[in-house]
């Protein structure tokens, strides 16, 4: 099971949790546009490396 650290209390919680069960910290949800920007940057960097 994948874990992530809560920035509020430093406990390891399940990676699928949206709220820390210890301190009730709400983990930010990744936004779809940010994921698309990251994918686009990887593709552009790959194309630059291939064309050079």
Protein backbone atom coordinates (compact mmCIF):
# COMPACT_ATOMS: atom_id res chain seq x y z
CA UNK A 1 0.00 0.00 0.00
CA UNK A 2 1.39 3.38 -1.04
CA UNK A 3 1.77 6.00 1.69
CA UNK A 4 2.19 9.76 1.77
CA UNK A 5 3.27 12.06 4.57
CA UNK A 6 0.83 14.55 6.00
CA UNK A 7 2.34 18.06 6.12
CA UNK A 8 0.13 18.90 9.09
CA UNK A 9 1.19 16.17 11.53
CA UNK A 10 4.00 14.29 9.70
CA UNK A 11 2.18 10.94 9.93
CA UNK A 12 2.21 8.48 7.04
CA UNK A 13 -1.29 7.95 5.70
CA UNK A 14 -2.72 5.95 2.82
CA UNK A 15 -2.01 7.68 -0.51
CA UNK A 16 -5.68 7.54 -1.50
CA UNK A 17 -6.84 9.51 1.56
CA UNK A 18 -8.12 13.03 0.87
CA UNK A 19 -8.21 14.02 4.55
CA UNK A 20 -5.69 13.05 7.24
CA UNK A 21 -7.45 10.88 9.86
CA UNK A 22 -5.14 12.25 12.59
CA UNK A 23 -5.22 16.05 12.15
CA UNK A 24 -7.95 16.49 9.48
CA UNK A 25 -5.56 18.13 7.01
CA UNK A 26 -7.18 18.24 3.55
CA UNK A 27 -4.76 17.16 0.84
CA UNK A 28 -5.00 19.29 -2.31
CA UNK A 29 -6.43 17.47 -5.30
CA UNK A 30 -4.28 17.55 -8.43
CA UNK A 31 -5.85 19.67 -11.12
CA UNK A 32 -6.23 18.18 -14.61
CA UNK A 33 -4.72 21.19 -16.37
CA UNK A 34 -1.54 20.88 -14.30
CA UNK A 35 -1.16 17.24 -15.36
CA UNK A 36 -1.61 18.21 -19.03
CA UNK A 37 1.01 20.96 -18.71
CA UNK A 38 3.47 18.46 -17.23
CA UNK A 39 2.84 15.96 -20.04
CA UNK A 40 3.19 18.70 -22.65
CA UNK A 41 6.52 19.82 -21.18
CA UNK A 42 7.87 16.26 -21.25
CA UNK A 43 6.82 15.87 -24.89
CA UNK A 44 8.42 19.19 -25.86
CA UNK A 45 11.66 18.31 -24.08
CA UNK A 46 11.71 14.92 -25.80
CA UNK A 47 11.20 16.51 -29.21
CA UNK A 48 13.98 19.01 -28.56
CA UNK A 49 16.38 16.20 -27.60
CA UNK A 50 15.46 14.16 -30.69
CA UNK A 51 15.79 17.07 -33.11
CA UNK A 52 19.18 18.23 -31.81
